[in-house]
Amino acid sequence: MDILAGTSRGIFRINGGAPIQTLTARGVRDIVRAGGRLMAGTAEGLWISDDDGGRWRCAALADREVWQIRQAGDGAIYAGTQPAGLFRSEDGGESWAEIESFTRSPEASRWCVPVDPPLPGRARAIVVDPDDPKRIAVGVEVGGVMLSEDRGRSWNLVMPGGNPDLHMMFADPAQPGVFYASTGYGRFDGIAEMVEGNAGVFRSDDGGRNWAYAWKGITPRYARPMCVDGRGGVALTVASAPTAFSHYRDEGGAGAMLYRSEDGGGNWRSLCDEAHSPSAPNFHGLTTDPERPGGVLVGTDNGELWRVSASAGWSKLGEGMPSVLAIHAD
């Protein structure tokens, strides 16, 4: 298995030995295969590799932080950025055009990350309906879910449970119209009270129009990394921590957990072993294991990469890297 780990300082290849750096760039938040090549979203724009991650070139959006890249069924590729923007490529990633209607929405004036001083909002989660590429959902941190039924010509805002702090969003591969979203405590004017219902996982059964809280009884509540595996029954995996800033250097560690649901968010079980219950390192990178249905690959803020089985068996695949933010595996 060939693994690329996107980190706070570049991309590293892991293939049975010590990690080897193949790209130097800040804040690699996403690595995906789209348009027949690998694409990486970084704090220094969108990078493309035509040789499976050996060499990279900055192709576009060098003045933006690219947080997520997704390809639609009609071949179009979308990129979400900070400052919050949505871009589309119709030629495999060589050229990009901003979908200006997205940032012209009246709601866009409020989008922000409420730190001191505030940062621009992030378009960090994209779902294109696999059955209808005209239907697009974009999660904004902090802003809510923007929905389009007409390929981005017009937009409507939805806030799952009144929560505008969207992190990750995925469609259920087995149930058309079912979406999952992970959320935090960020609000336009600061931080919400840290109680149940104000952060965690939400589920929509109608393509993102309406949402229900699916994180009842789970702690810690602040949910961010997420992945969905449709092989052998749908497995939804989510990592959570006490706050947005939980870190392995904190006294007592980050206190992070990894949870699994096999029934669409109705019930959850820990996917952590004894050494990670809770985990001192926080979890930032998360993706499905291509070789093991139900398994996941997890990246930590202390530069480790772990393989986790569906039965919560953990094995370390790499270490000594900067904070692992994204993972791609073939």
Protein backbone atom coordinates (compact mmCIF):
# COMPACT_ATOMS: atom_id res chain seq x y z
CA MET A 1 0.00 0.00 0.00
CA ASP A 2 1.35 3.40 -1.03
CA ILE A 3 0.38 6.21 1.37
CA LEU A 4 0.77 9.96 1.02
CA ALA A 5 0.53 11.93 4.26
CA GLY A 6 -0.31 15.61 3.96
CA THR A 7 1.22 17.51 6.86
CA SER A 8 1.57 21.03 8.19
CA ARG A 9 4.84 21.29 6.22
CA GLY A 10 4.37 19.18 3.10
CA ILE A 11 3.62 15.72 1.72
CA PHE A 12 5.42 12.55 2.79
CA ARG A 13 5.34 9.13 1.10
CA ILE A 14 5.06 6.08 3.39
CA ASN A 15 5.66 2.69 1.85
CA GLY A 16 7.17 0.34 4.40
CA GLY A 17 10.14 2.51 5.40
CA ALA A 18 10.85 5.92 6.83
CA PRO A 19 8.61 8.68 5.44
CA ILE A 20 10.10 10.45 2.41
CA GLN A 21 9.10 14.06 1.69
CA THR A 22 7.88 14.68 -1.86
CA LEU A 23 6.43 18.20 -1.52
CA THR A 24 7.36 21.16 0.66
CA ALA A 25 4.28 23.31 1.21
CA ARG A 26 2.44 24.63 4.23
CA GLY A 27 -0.85 23.19 5.46
CA VAL A 28 -1.66 20.22 3.20
CA ARG A 29 -5.35 19.75 4.03
CA ASP A 30 -6.48 17.39 1.25
CA ILE A 31 -4.98 14.89 -1.19
CA VAL A 32 -7.32 13.31 -3.73
CA ARG A 33 -7.29 11.62 -7.11
CA ALA A 34 -9.32 13.70 -9.56
CA GLY A 35 -9.20 14.20 -13.30
CA GLY A 36 -6.85 11.25 -13.61
CA ARG A 37 -4.11 12.76 -11.43
CA LEU A 38 -3.36 13.53 -7.80
CA MET A 39 -4.31 16.94 -6.44
CA ALA A 40 -3.33 18.48 -3.13
CA GLY A 41 -5.01 21.37 -1.37
CA THR A 42 -2.51 23.42 0.62
CA ALA A 43 -2.09 26.79 2.31
CA GLU A 44 -0.05 27.71 -0.79
CA GLY A 45 -2.66 26.85 -3.42
CA LEU A 46 -3.63 23.77 -5.39
CA TRP A 47 -0.85 21.39 -6.45
CA ILE A 48 -0.99 18.65 -9.11
CA SER A 49 1.08 15.50 -9.61
CA ASP A 50 1.01 13.48 -12.82
CA ASP A 51 3.31 10.73 -11.51
CA ASP A 52 1.39 9.53 -8.43
CA GLY A 53 2.94 12.01 -6.01
CA GLY A 54 6.60 11.88 -6.99
CA ARG A 55 6.74 15.43 -8.35
CA TRP A 56 4.33 18.31 -7.80
CA ARG A 57 3.58 21.64 -9.44
CA CYS A 58 1.46 24.49 -8.17
CA ALA A 59 -1.33 24.64 -10.74
CA ALA A 60 -3.72 27.28 -9.40
CA LEU A 61 -5.11 29.33 -6.52
CA ALA A 62 -1.67 30.22 -5.14
CA ASP A 63 -3.18 33.15 -3.26
CA ARG A 64 -5.69 30.91 -1.46
CA GLU A 65 -5.67 28.15 1.12
CA VAL A 66 -7.30 25.15 -0.54
CA TRP A 67 -9.16 23.02 2.02
CA GLN A 68 -11.00 20.42 -0.05
CA ILE A 69 -11.14 19.09 -3.62
CA ARG A 70 -13.96 16.94 -5.00
CA GLN A 71 -14.87 15.62 -8.46
CA ALA A 72 -18.48 15.46 -9.66
CA GLY A 73 -20.06 12.76 -11.77
CA ASP A 74 -20.07 15.07 -14.80
CA GLY A 75 -16.27 15.41 -14.61
CA ALA A 76 -16.15 18.87 -13.06
CA ILE A 77 -13.75 19.35 -10.16
CA TYR A 78 -14.53 21.68 -7.24
CA ALA A 79 -12.16 23.31 -4.77
CA GLY A 80 -13.15 25.01 -1.52
CA THR A 81 -10.87 27.70 -0.16
CA GLN A 82 -10.09 30.16 2.61
CA PRO A 83 -11.08 32.98 2.31
CA ALA A 84 -14.33 31.10 1.76
CA GLY A 85 -14.72 30.58 -1.97
CA LEU A 86 -15.74 27.86 -4.39
CA PHE A 87 -13.89 27.19 -7.65
CA ARG A 88 -14.61 24.82 -10.54
CA SER A 89 -12.41 23.24 -13.19
CA GLU A 90 -13.80 21.73 -16.39
CA ASP A 91 -10.44 20.61 -17.81
CA GLY A 92 -9.00 18.25 -15.23
CA GLY A 93 -7.57 20.94 -12.98
CA GLU A 94 -5.55 22.99 -15.47
CA SER A 95 -7.76 26.08 -15.21
CA TRP A 96 -10.20 27.22 -12.53
CA ALA A 97 -13.07 29.68 -12.41
CA GLU A 98 -14.60 31.07 -9.25
CA ILE A 99 -18.32 30.42 -8.73
CA GLU A 100 -19.01 34.03 -7.82
CA SER A 101 -22.62 33.43 -6.83
CA PHE A 102 -21.31 31.57 -3.78
CA THR A 103 -19.53 34.56 -2.24
CA ARG A 104 -22.23 36.97 -3.43
CA SER A 105 -24.76 35.25 -1.19
CA PRO A 106 -26.05 37.62 1.51
CA GLU A 107 -24.85 35.20 4.20
CA ALA A 108 -21.22 35.47 3.07
CA SER A 109 -20.65 38.74 4.91
CA ARG A 110 -20.81 36.86 8.25
CA TRP A 111 -18.46 33.99 7.42
CA CYS A 112 -15.45 33.94 9.75
CA VAL A 113 -13.36 31.87 12.13
CA PRO A 114 -14.05 33.55 15.50
CA VAL A 115 -10.54 33.69 16.94
CA ASP A 116 -8.82 36.89 18.08
CA PRO A 117 -8.42 38.55 15.64
CA PRO A 118 -11.07 36.83 13.46
CA LEU A 119 -9.93 34.93 10.37
CA PRO A 120 -11.80 34.66 7.06
CA GLY A 121 -14.26 31.80 6.82
CA ARG A 122 -13.36 28.51 5.10
CA ALA A 123 -15.25 26.54 2.48
CA ARG A 124 -13.88 23.27 3.81
CA ALA A 125 -16.42 20.54 2.94
CA ILE A 126 -17.92 19.73 -0.47
CA VAL A 127 -20.49 17.10 -1.42
CA VAL A 128 -21.73 16.76 -5.01
CA ASP A 129 -24.77 14.51 -5.30
CA PRO A 130 -23.55 11.30 -7.00
CA ASP A 131 -26.90 10.96 -8.77
CA ASP A 132 -27.30 14.60 -9.81
CA PRO A 133 -24.18 16.75 -10.31
CA LYS A 134 -26.28 19.91 -10.31
CA ARG A 135 -26.86 19.42 -6.56
CA ILE A 136 -23.93 20.75 -4.53
CA ALA A 137 -23.52 21.19 -0.78
CA VAL A 138 -20.67 23.24 0.69
CA GLY A 139 -19.88 23.40 4.40
CA VAL A 140 -18.44 26.70 5.62
CA GLU A 141 -16.47 27.14 8.83
CA VAL A 142 -18.01 29.26 10.31
CA GLY A 143 -21.05 29.84 8.10
CA GLY A 144 -23.27 26.76 7.73
CA VAL A 145 -24.18 24.55 4.77
CA MET A 146 -24.76 26.25 1.43
CA LEU A 147 -26.99 24.24 -0.93
CA SER A 148 -27.38 24.62 -4.69
CA GLU A 149 -29.82 22.74 -6.90
CA ASP A 150 -28.61 24.34 -10.14
CA ARG A 151 -24.83 23.72 -10.31
CA GLY A 152 -23.98 26.81 -8.32
CA ARG A 153 -26.12 29.47 -9.95
CA SER A 154 -28.09 30.04 -6.74
CA TRP A 155 -27.69 29.05 -3.09
CA ASN A 156 -29.67 28.51 0.09
CA LEU A 157 -28.26 28.42 3.62
CA VAL A 158 -28.96 25.67 6.17
CA MET A 159 -27.49 25.36 9.67
CA PRO A 160 -27.58 21.84 11.14
CA GLY A 161 -29.21 22.23 14.55
CA GLY A 162 -28.53 25.96 14.31
CA ASN A 163 -24.78 25.22 14.14
CA PRO A 164 -22.77 27.18 11.54
CA ASP A 165 -19.41 25.57 12.43
CA LEU A 166 -19.09 22.96 9.66
CA HIS A 167 -16.00 20.76 9.42
CA MET A 168 -16.43 17.63 7.29
CA MET A 169 -19.38 16.41 5.23
CA PHE A 170 -19.96 13.12 3.38
CA ALA A 171 -22.76 11.41 1.48
CA ASP A 172 -23.80 7.91 2.51
CA PRO A 173 -22.76 5.62 -0.39
CA ALA A 174 -25.68 3.24 0.20
CA GLN A 175 -28.54 5.67 0.88
CA PRO A 176 -29.26 8.43 -1.66
CA GLY A 177 -29.83 11.79 0.00
CA VAL A 178 -28.26 10.84 3.34
CA PHE A 179 -25.47 13.21 4.41
CA TYR A 180 -23.30 13.32 7.54
CA ALA A 181 -21.58 16.41 8.92
CA SER A 182 -19.13 16.99 11.76
CA THR A 183 -19.29 20.27 13.63
CA GLY A 184 -17.68 22.33 16.39
CA TYR A 185 -18.48 25.12 18.84
CA GLY A 186 -17.64 28.11 16.64
CA ARG A 187 -20.30 30.77 16.24
CA PHE A 188 -20.31 34.11 14.45
CA ASP A 189 -19.86 35.98 17.73
CA GLY A 190 -17.56 33.57 19.58
CA ILE A 191 -17.81 30.10 21.09
CA ALA A 192 -21.03 28.25 21.97
CA GLU A 193 -21.63 26.70 25.36
CA MET A 194 -19.89 23.32 25.42
CA VAL A 195 -22.95 21.16 26.01
CA GLU A 196 -24.52 18.28 24.11
CA GLY A 197 -26.21 19.39 20.92
CA ASN A 198 -23.88 22.33 20.28
CA ALA A 199 -21.19 20.27 18.54
CA GLY A 200 -20.80 16.79 17.10
CA VAL A 201 -22.27 14.81 14.21
CA PHE A 202 -25.48 15.64 12.37
CA ARG A 203 -27.35 13.53 9.82
CA SER A 204 -29.57 14.65 6.95
CA ASP A 205 -31.98 12.32 5.14
CA ASP A 206 -32.97 14.80 2.43
CA GLY A 207 -29.75 15.97 0.82
CA GLY A 208 -28.82 18.53 3.45
CA ARG A 209 -32.08 20.44 3.73
CA ASN A 210 -32.90 19.21 7.25
CA TRP A 211 -30.58 17.79 9.90
CA ALA A 212 -30.88 15.75 13.10
CA TYR A 213 -28.33 15.44 15.90
CA ALA A 214 -26.59 12.03 15.77
CA TRP A 215 -24.00 12.41 18.55
CA LYS A 216 -26.11 11.85 21.65
CA GLY A 217 -24.20 10.66 24.68
CA ILE A 218 -20.79 10.95 22.99
CA THR A 219 -17.83 12.73 24.56
CA PRO A 220 -15.68 14.53 23.70
CA ARG A 221 -18.17 16.36 21.51
CA TYR A 222 -16.02 18.52 19.23
CA ALA A 223 -16.03 16.49 15.98
CA ARG A 224 -13.82 17.14 13.00
CA PRO A 225 -12.15 14.34 10.92
CA MET A 226 -14.66 11.98 9.29
CA CYS A 227 -14.73 9.26 6.64
CA VAL A 228 -17.35 6.86 5.25
CA ASP A 229 -16.66 3.33 4.02
CA GLY A 230 -19.33 1.65 1.89
CA ARG A 231 -17.64 -1.74 1.54
CA GLY A 232 -19.42 -4.59 3.32
CA GLY A 233 -21.95 -2.31 4.98
CA VAL A 234 -21.58 1.41 5.63
CA ALA A 235 -19.08 2.35 8.35
CA LEU A 236 -19.00 5.97 9.52
CA THR A 237 -15.85 6.93 11.46
CA VAL A 238 -15.41 10.24 13.31
CA ALA A 239 -12.62 11.64 15.47
CA SER A 240 -13.39 14.04 18.30
CA ALA A 241 -11.59 16.06 20.97
CA PRO A 242 -12.59 18.41 23.79
CA THR A 243 -11.89 21.62 21.81
CA ALA A 244 -10.57 22.93 18.50
CA PHE A 245 -7.15 23.44 20.08
CA SER A 246 -6.67 20.13 21.94
CA HIS A 247 -3.04 19.10 21.43
CA TYR A 248 -0.62 16.36 22.41
CA ARG A 249 1.48 18.95 24.28
CA ASP A 250 -1.44 19.79 26.61
CA GLU A 251 -1.14 18.63 30.19
CA GLY A 252 -2.57 15.12 30.04
CA GLY A 253 -2.61 15.18 26.23
CA ALA A 254 -5.36 16.00 23.74
CA GLY A 255 -7.96 13.57 25.13
CA ALA A 256 -9.06 12.60 21.61
CA MET A 257 -11.24 9.64 20.63
CA LEU A 258 -12.15 7.73 17.47
CA TYR A 259 -15.73 6.48 17.11
CA ARG A 260 -17.49 4.15 14.68
CA SER A 261 -21.16 3.80 13.70
CA GLU A 262 -22.50 1.00 11.50
CA ASP A 263 -26.12 2.17 11.56
CA GLY A 264 -25.95 5.68 10.14
CA GLY A 265 -25.18 7.46 13.38
CA GLY A 266 -27.79 5.77 15.57
CA ASN A 267 -25.25 3.95 17.73
CA TRP A 268 -21.53 4.44 18.26
CA ARG A 269 -18.62 2.41 19.62
CA SER A 270 -15.03 3.34 20.34
CA LEU A 271 -12.47 2.40 17.71
CA CYS A 272 -9.63 3.14 20.14
CA ASP A 273 -7.35 0.59 21.75
CA GLU A 274 -6.21 0.79 25.37
CA ALA A 275 -3.28 3.09 24.54
CA HIS A 276 -5.60 5.57 22.80
CA SER A 277 -8.53 5.66 25.24
CA PRO A 278 -8.37 8.60 25.20
CA SER A 279 -5.50 9.46 22.89
CA ALA A 280 -2.79 11.89 23.97
CA PRO A 281 -2.10 12.88 20.33
CA ASN A 282 -5.02 14.52 18.56
CA PHE A 283 -6.40 13.08 15.32
CA HIS A 284 -6.40 15.33 12.24
CA GLY A 285 -5.96 13.05 9.21
CA LEU A 286 -8.51 10.28 8.61
CA THR A 287 -9.40 8.12 5.61
CA THR A 288 -10.57 4.61 4.77
CA ASP A 289 -8.04 1.80 4.51
CA PRO A 290 -8.14 0.68 0.84
CA GLU A 291 -6.94 -2.83 1.70
CA ARG A 292 -9.21 -3.59 4.65
CA PRO A 293 -12.97 -2.95 4.55
CA GLY A 294 -14.01 -1.19 7.75
CA GLY A 295 -10.44 -0.19 8.53
CA VAL A 296 -9.13 3.37 8.61
CA LEU A 297 -5.83 5.25 8.47
CA VAL A 298 -5.36 7.93 11.13
CA GLY A 299 -2.84 10.80 11.28
CA THR A 300 -1.92 12.57 14.50
CA ASP A 301 -0.71 16.00 15.55
CA ASN A 302 2.61 14.52 16.75
CA GLY A 303 3.44 13.25 13.27
CA GLU A 304 2.38 9.62 13.44
CA LEU A 305 0.31 7.57 11.01
CA TRP A 306 -1.65 4.55 12.24
CA ARG A 307 -3.62 1.72 10.66
CA VAL A 308 -6.75 0.87 12.65
CA SER A 309 -8.80 -2.26 12.00
CA ALA A 310 -12.57 -2.56 12.26
CA SER A 311 -11.99 -4.44 15.53
CA ALA A 312 -9.89 -1.56 16.99
CA GLY A 313 -6.47 -3.07 16.38
CA TRP A 314 -3.80 -0.37 16.00
CA SER A 315 -0.45 -0.62 14.15
CA LYS A 316 1.94 2.27 13.48
CA LEU A 317 2.90 2.82 9.83
CA GLY A 318 4.94 6.03 10.10
CA GLU A 319 6.32 8.59 12.54
CA GLY A 320 8.63 11.57 12.78
CA MET A 321 6.58 13.82 10.49
CA PRO A 322 5.01 17.21 11.12
CA SER A 323 1.34 17.17 12.17
CA VAL A 324 -0.56 14.87 9.76
CA LEU A 325 -3.59 16.72 8.36
CA ALA A 326 -4.63 14.57 5.37
CA ILE A 327 -4.07 11.04 4.06
CA HIS A 328 -4.32 9.50 0.61
CA ALA A 329 -3.84 5.76 0.10
CA ASP A 330 -3.96 3.53 -2.97
